[in-house]
Amino acid sequence: MTAEGKSGIYIEFVPKGNVVKVTAIDARTGTEASIVGPSNAPRGALEAAAARKLEYVLKKNRGSP
């Protein structure tokens, strides 16, 4: 979750064999972004990558460069 004044981010991990699908969901807008990575990758790295992708998608939807 993020600090006051910003929306929260929910993270979902779905393992499928030797990969894991990580979905980041913006709590305020419901916008989702997903990545797929190796199941043996550090959880924090996968979470950070999904959060970065979500930020990219949110900026793109707002029309920001």
PDB file of N, CA and C in Angstrom:
ATOM      1  N   MET A   1       0.834  -1.176   0.000  1.00  0.00           N
ATOM      2  CA  MET A   1       0.000   0.000   0.000  1.00  0.00           C
ATOM      3  C   MET A   1       0.883   1.245   0.000  1.00  0.00           C
ATOM      4  N   THR A   2       0.316   2.321  -0.446  1.00  0.00           N
ATOM      5  CA  THR A   2       1.091   3.549  -0.519  1.00  0.00           C
ATOM      6  C   THR A   2       0.649   4.522   0.564  1.00  0.00           C
ATOM      7  N   ALA A   3       1.359   5.626   0.658  1.00  0.00           N
ATOM      8  CA  ALA A   3       1.126   6.600   1.718  1.00  0.00           C
ATOM      9  C   ALA A   3      -0.181   7.368   1.507  1.00  0.00           C
ATOM     10  N   GLU A   4      -0.542   8.142   2.513  1.00  0.00           N
ATOM     11  CA  GLU A   4      -1.766   8.928   2.466  1.00  0.00           C
ATOM     12  C   GLU A   4      -1.817   9.825   1.236  1.00  0.00           C
ATOM     13  N   GLY A   5      -3.026   9.999   0.696  1.00  0.00           N
ATOM     14  CA  GLY A   5      -3.188  10.842  -0.465  1.00  0.00           C
ATOM     15  C   GLY A   5      -2.994  10.104  -1.781  1.00  0.00           C
ATOM     16  N   LYS A   6      -2.516   8.883  -1.731  1.00  0.00           N
ATOM     17  CA  LYS A   6      -2.326   8.082  -2.935  1.00  0.00           C
ATOM     18  C   LYS A   6      -3.178   6.831  -2.823  1.00  0.00           C
ATOM     19  N   SER A   7      -3.503   6.259  -3.974  1.00  0.00           N
ATOM     20  CA  SER A   7      -4.312   5.049  -3.949  1.00  0.00           C
ATOM     21  C   SER A   7      -3.459   3.854  -3.541  1.00  0.00           C
ATOM     22  N   GLY A   8      -4.098   2.835  -3.042  1.00  0.00           N
ATOM     23  CA  GLY A   8      -3.401   1.607  -2.674  1.00  0.00           C
ATOM     24  C   GLY A   8      -3.263   0.693  -3.869  1.00  0.00           C
ATOM     25  N   ILE A   9      -2.366  -0.250  -3.754  1.00  0.00           N
ATOM     26  CA  ILE A   9      -2.162  -1.241  -4.800  1.00  0.00           C
ATOM     27  C   ILE A   9      -2.300  -2.621  -4.176  1.00  0.00           C
ATOM     28  N   TYR A  10      -3.152  -3.443  -4.772  1.00  0.00           N
ATOM     29  CA  TYR A  10      -3.292  -4.828  -4.353  1.00  0.00           C
ATOM     30  C   TYR A  10      -2.454  -5.676  -5.297  1.00  0.00           C
ATOM     31  N   ILE A  11      -1.778  -6.681  -4.745  1.00  0.00           N
ATOM     32  CA  ILE A  11      -0.932  -7.571  -5.535  1.00  0.00           C
ATOM     33  C   ILE A  11      -1.470  -8.995  -5.392  1.00  0.00           C
ATOM     34  N   GLU A  12      -1.612  -9.684  -6.526  1.00  0.00           N
ATOM     35  CA  GLU A  12      -2.100 -11.060  -6.535  1.00  0.00           C
ATOM     36  C   GLU A  12      -1.054 -11.949  -7.217  1.00  0.00           C
ATOM     37  N   PHE A  13      -0.713 -13.068  -6.589  1.00  0.00           N
ATOM     38  CA  PHE A  13       0.227 -14.042  -7.145  1.00  0.00           C
ATOM     39  C   PHE A  13      -0.542 -15.313  -7.496  1.00  0.00           C
ATOM     40  N   VAL A  14      -0.401 -15.780  -8.751  1.00  0.00           N
ATOM     41  CA  VAL A  14      -1.050 -17.016  -9.178  1.00  0.00           C
ATOM     42  C   VAL A  14       0.014 -17.918  -9.797  1.00  0.00           C
ATOM     43  N   PRO A  15       0.479 -18.931  -9.044  1.00  0.00           N
ATOM     44  CA  PRO A  15       1.493 -19.834  -9.588  1.00  0.00           C
ATOM     45  C   PRO A  15       0.888 -20.799 -10.607  1.00  0.00           C
ATOM     46  N   LYS A  16       1.634 -21.046 -11.674  1.00  0.00           N
ATOM     47  CA  LYS A  16       1.223 -22.001 -12.710  1.00  0.00           C
ATOM     48  C   LYS A  16       2.472 -22.753 -13.139  1.00  0.00           C
ATOM     49  N   GLY A  17       2.709 -23.889 -12.540  1.00  0.00           N
ATOM     50  CA  GLY A  17       3.902 -24.667 -12.869  1.00  0.00           C
ATOM     51  C   GLY A  17       5.162 -23.949 -12.433  1.00  0.00           C
ATOM     52  N   ASN A  18       6.063 -23.720 -13.379  1.00  0.00           N
ATOM     53  CA  ASN A  18       7.327 -23.080 -13.028  1.00  0.00           C
ATOM     54  C   ASN A  18       7.310 -21.565 -13.266  1.00  0.00           C
ATOM     55  N   VAL A  19       6.126 -21.000 -13.492  1.00  0.00           N
ATOM     56  CA  VAL A  19       5.981 -19.540 -13.624  1.00  0.00           C
ATOM     57  C   VAL A  19       4.902 -19.054 -12.653  1.00  0.00           C
ATOM     58  N   VAL A  20       4.907 -17.747 -12.435  1.00  0.00           N
ATOM     59  CA  VAL A  20       3.882 -17.144 -11.581  1.00  0.00           C
ATOM     60  C   VAL A  20       3.369 -15.886 -12.280  1.00  0.00           C
ATOM     61  N   LYS A  21       2.051 -15.734 -12.295  1.00  0.00           N
ATOM     62  CA  LYS A  21       1.433 -14.526 -12.842  1.00  0.00           C
ATOM     63  C   LYS A  21       1.200 -13.578 -11.676  1.00  0.00           C
ATOM     64  N   VAL A  22       1.709 -12.362 -11.810  1.00  0.00           N
ATOM     65  CA  VAL A  22       1.571 -11.362 -10.756  1.00  0.00           C
ATOM     66  C   VAL A  22       0.718 -10.218 -11.303  1.00  0.00           C
ATOM     67  N   THR A  23      -0.376  -9.926 -10.641  1.00  0.00           N
ATOM     68  CA  THR A  23      -1.274  -8.865 -11.063  1.00  0.00           C
ATOM     69  C   THR A  23      -1.279  -7.774 -10.010  1.00  0.00           C
ATOM     70  N   ALA A  24      -1.066  -6.534 -10.457  1.00  0.00           N
ATOM     71  CA  ALA A  24      -1.163  -5.364  -9.581  1.00  0.00           C
ATOM     72  C   ALA A  24      -2.468  -4.659  -9.920  1.00  0.00           C
ATOM     73  N   ILE A  25      -3.247  -4.316  -8.895  1.00  0.00           N
ATOM     74  CA  ILE A  25      -4.554  -3.695  -9.074  1.00  0.00           C
ATOM     75  C   ILE A  25      -4.595  -2.390  -8.303  1.00  0.00           C
ATOM     76  N   ASP A  26      -4.939  -1.306  -8.989  1.00  0.00           N
ATOM     77  CA  ASP A  26      -5.077  -0.006  -8.343  1.00  0.00           C
ATOM     78  C   ASP A  26      -6.397   0.006  -7.575  1.00  0.00           C
ATOM     79  N   ALA A  27      -6.352   0.252  -6.284  1.00  0.00           N
ATOM     80  CA  ALA A  27      -7.540   0.204  -5.436  1.00  0.00           C
ATOM     81  C   ALA A  27      -8.561   1.283  -5.793  1.00  0.00           C
ATOM     82  N   ARG A  28      -8.096   2.424  -6.255  1.00  0.00           N
ATOM     83  CA  ARG A  28      -9.003   3.538  -6.545  1.00  0.00           C
ATOM     84  C   ARG A  28      -9.744   3.349  -7.861  1.00  0.00           C
ATOM     85  N   THR A  29      -9.026   2.927  -8.919  1.00  0.00           N
ATOM     86  CA  THR A  29      -9.625   2.847 -10.247  1.00  0.00           C
ATOM     87  C   THR A  29      -9.996   1.440 -10.681  1.00  0.00           C
ATOM     88  N   GLY A  30      -9.415   0.432 -10.041  1.00  0.00           N
ATOM     89  CA  GLY A  30      -9.652  -0.946 -10.448  1.00  0.00           C
ATOM     90  C   GLY A  30      -8.826  -1.355 -11.659  1.00  0.00           C
ATOM     91  N   THR A  31      -7.922  -0.497 -12.118  1.00  0.00           N
ATOM     92  CA  THR A  31      -7.052  -0.800 -13.246  1.00  0.00           C
ATOM     93  C   THR A  31      -6.086  -1.919 -12.865  1.00  0.00           C
ATOM     94  N   GLU A  32      -5.884  -2.852 -13.789  1.00  0.00           N
ATOM     95  CA  GLU A  32      -5.006  -3.991 -13.535  1.00  0.00           C
ATOM     96  C   GLU A  32      -3.855  -4.028 -14.526  1.00  0.00           C
ATOM     97  N   ALA A  33      -2.721  -4.543 -14.082  1.00  0.00           N
ATOM     98  CA  ALA A  33      -1.572  -4.812 -14.944  1.00  0.00           C
ATOM     99  C   ALA A  33      -0.936  -6.103 -14.456  1.00  0.00           C
ATOM    100  N   SER A  34      -0.570  -6.972 -15.395  1.00  0.00           N
ATOM    101  CA  SER A  34      -0.006  -8.274 -15.034  1.00  0.00           C
ATOM    102  C   SER A  34       1.347  -8.496 -15.687  1.00  0.00           C
ATOM    103  N   ILE A  35       2.151  -9.291 -15.005  1.00  0.00           N
ATOM    104  CA  ILE A  35       3.419  -9.774 -15.545  1.00  0.00           C
ATOM    105  C   ILE A  35       3.489 -11.268 -15.279  1.00  0.00           C
ATOM    106  N   VAL A  36       4.377 -11.938 -15.986  1.00  0.00           N
ATOM    107  CA  VAL A  36       4.646 -13.355 -15.740  1.00  0.00           C
ATOM    108  C   VAL A  36       6.147 -13.495 -15.540  1.00  0.00           C
ATOM    109  N   GLY A  37       6.518 -14.214 -14.490  1.00  0.00           N
ATOM    110  CA  GLY A  37       7.933 -14.405 -14.203  1.00  0.00           C
ATOM    111  C   GLY A  37       8.182 -15.796 -13.667  1.00  0.00           C
ATOM    112  N   PRO A  38       9.451 -16.152 -13.495  1.00  0.00           N
ATOM    113  CA  PRO A  38       9.785 -17.479 -12.967  1.00  0.00           C
ATOM    114  C   PRO A  38       9.339 -17.611 -11.504  1.00  0.00           C
ATOM    115  N   SER A  39       8.852 -18.776 -11.171  1.00  0.00           N
ATOM    116  CA  SER A  39       8.340 -18.978  -9.813  1.00  0.00           C
ATOM    117  C   SER A  39       9.440 -18.937  -8.759  1.00  0.00           C
ATOM    118  N   ASN A  40      10.707 -19.088  -9.162  1.00  0.00           N
ATOM    119  CA  ASN A  40      11.793 -19.044  -8.194  1.00  0.00           C
ATOM    120  C   ASN A  40      12.396 -17.642  -8.060  1.00  0.00           C
ATOM    121  N   ALA A  41      11.838 -16.648  -8.741  1.00  0.00           N
ATOM    122  CA  ALA A  41      12.304 -15.260  -8.611  1.00  0.00           C
ATOM    123  C   ALA A  41      11.887 -14.715  -7.251  1.00  0.00           C
ATOM    124  N   PRO A  42      12.643 -13.769  -6.705  1.00  0.00           N
ATOM    125  CA  PRO A  42      12.261 -13.179  -5.419  1.00  0.00           C
ATOM    126  C   PRO A  42      10.887 -12.502  -5.508  1.00  0.00           C
ATOM    127  N   ARG A  43      10.067 -12.759  -4.521  1.00  0.00           N
ATOM    128  CA  ARG A  43       8.711 -12.221  -4.500  1.00  0.00           C
ATOM    129  C   ARG A  43       8.710 -10.695  -4.599  1.00  0.00           C
ATOM    130  N   GLY A  44       9.633 -10.050  -3.919  1.00  0.00           N
ATOM    131  CA  GLY A  44       9.706  -8.590  -3.940  1.00  0.00           C
ATOM    132  C   GLY A  44      10.012  -8.047  -5.327  1.00  0.00           C
ATOM    133  N   ALA A  45      10.853  -8.742  -6.071  1.00  0.00           N
ATOM    134  CA  ALA A  45      11.201  -8.308  -7.427  1.00  0.00           C
ATOM    135  C   ALA A  45       9.994  -8.420  -8.354  1.00  0.00           C
ATOM    136  N   LEU A  46       9.251  -9.498  -8.231  1.00  0.00           N
ATOM    137  CA  LEU A  46       8.053  -9.673  -9.048  1.00  0.00           C
ATOM    138  C   LEU A  46       6.994  -8.627  -8.700  1.00  0.00           C
ATOM    139  N   GLU A  47       6.827  -8.375  -7.419  1.00  0.00           N
ATOM    140  CA  GLU A  47       5.859  -7.376  -6.965  1.00  0.00           C
ATOM    141  C   GLU A  47       6.229  -5.986  -7.480  1.00  0.00           C
ATOM    142  N   ALA A  48       7.508  -5.645  -7.399  1.00  0.00           N
ATOM    143  CA  ALA A  48       7.967  -4.334  -7.862  1.00  0.00           C
ATOM    144  C   ALA A  48       7.767  -4.180  -9.365  1.00  0.00           C
ATOM    145  N   ALA A  49       8.035  -5.233 -10.130  1.00  0.00           N
ATOM    146  CA  ALA A  49       7.857  -5.173 -11.584  1.00  0.00           C
ATOM    147  C   ALA A  49       6.386  -4.980 -11.950  1.00  0.00           C
ATOM    148  N   ALA A  50       5.496  -5.673 -11.252  1.00  0.00           N
ATOM    149  CA  ALA A  50       4.061  -5.520 -11.519  1.00  0.00           C
ATOM    150  C   ALA A  50       3.592  -4.115 -11.145  1.00  0.00           C
ATOM    151  N   ALA A  51       4.091  -3.583 -10.039  1.00  0.00           N
ATOM    152  CA  ALA A  51       3.714  -2.224  -9.621  1.00  0.00           C
ATOM    153  C   ALA A  51       4.210  -1.184 -10.626  1.00  0.00           C
ATOM    154  N   ARG A  52       5.429  -1.369 -11.155  1.00  0.00           N
ATOM    155  CA  ARG A  52       5.949  -0.452 -12.181  1.00  0.00           C
ATOM    156  C   ARG A  52       5.094  -0.495 -13.438  1.00  0.00           C
ATOM    157  N   LYS A  53       4.671  -1.681 -13.832  1.00  0.00           N
ATOM    158  CA  LYS A  53       3.835  -1.802 -15.017  1.00  0.00           C
ATOM    159  C   LYS A  53       2.481  -1.138 -14.778  1.00  0.00           C
ATOM    160  N   LEU A  54       1.935  -1.293 -13.584  1.00  0.00           N
ATOM    161  CA  LEU A  54       0.667  -0.645 -13.260  1.00  0.00           C
ATOM    162  C   LEU A  54       0.805   0.872 -13.344  1.00  0.00           C
ATOM    163  N   GLU A  55       1.882   1.421 -12.811  1.00  0.00           N
ATOM    164  CA  GLU A  55       2.116   2.863 -12.890  1.00  0.00           C
ATOM    165  C   GLU A  55       2.194   3.318 -14.348  1.00  0.00           C
ATOM    166  N   TYR A  56       2.851   2.532 -15.190  1.00  0.00           N
ATOM    167  CA  TYR A  56       2.947   2.842 -16.618  1.00  0.00           C
ATOM    168  C   TYR A  56       1.547   2.864 -17.244  1.00  0.00           C
ATOM    169  N   VAL A  57       0.745   1.862 -16.953  1.00  0.00           N
ATOM    170  CA  VAL A  57      -0.602   1.780 -17.520  1.00  0.00           C
ATOM    171  C   VAL A  57      -1.458   2.949 -17.047  1.00  0.00           C
ATOM    172  N   LEU A  58      -1.359   3.294 -15.766  1.00  0.00           N
ATOM    173  CA  LEU A  58      -2.146   4.417 -15.247  1.00  0.00           C
ATOM    174  C   LEU A  58      -1.748   5.730 -15.925  1.00  0.00           C
ATOM    175  N   LYS A  59      -0.446   5.951 -16.113  1.00  0.00           N
ATOM    176  CA  LYS A  59       0.014   7.160 -16.796  1.00  0.00           C
ATOM    177  C   LYS A  59      -0.449   7.177 -18.242  1.00  0.00           C
ATOM    178  N   LYS A  60      -0.381   6.043 -18.896  1.00  0.00           N
ATOM    179  CA  LYS A  60      -0.806   5.944 -20.298  1.00  0.00           C
ATOM    180  C   LYS A  60      -2.298   6.250 -20.413  1.00  0.00           C
ATOM    181  N   ASN A  61      -3.101   5.747 -19.487  1.00  0.00           N
ATOM    182  CA  ASN A  61      -4.546   5.991 -19.517  1.00  0.00           C
ATOM    183  C   ASN A  61      -4.892   7.452 -19.275  1.00  0.00           C
ATOM    184  N   ARG A  62      -4.047   8.158 -18.507  1.00  0.00           N
ATOM    185  CA  ARG A  62      -4.256   9.584 -18.246  1.00  0.00           C
ATOM    186  C   ARG A  62      -3.783  10.449 -19.403  1.00  0.00           C
ATOM    187  N   GLY A  63      -3.030   9.861 -20.322  1.00  0.00           N
ATOM    188  CA  GLY A  63      -2.494  10.614 -21.435  1.00  0.00           C
ATOM    189  C   GLY A  63      -1.163  11.275 -21.150  1.00  0.00           C
ATOM    190  N   SER A  64      -0.522  10.909 -20.033  1.00  0.00           N
ATOM    191  CA  SER A  64       0.787  11.452 -19.684  1.00  0.00           C
ATOM    192  C   SER A  64       1.872  10.751 -20.494  1.00  0.00           C
ATOM    193  N   PRO A  65       2.948  11.465 -20.843  1.00  0.00           N
ATOM    194  CA  PRO A  65       4.054  10.823 -21.584  1.00  0.00           C
ATOM    195  C   PRO A  65       4.843   9.854 -20.733  1.00  0.00           C
TER     196      PRO A  65
END
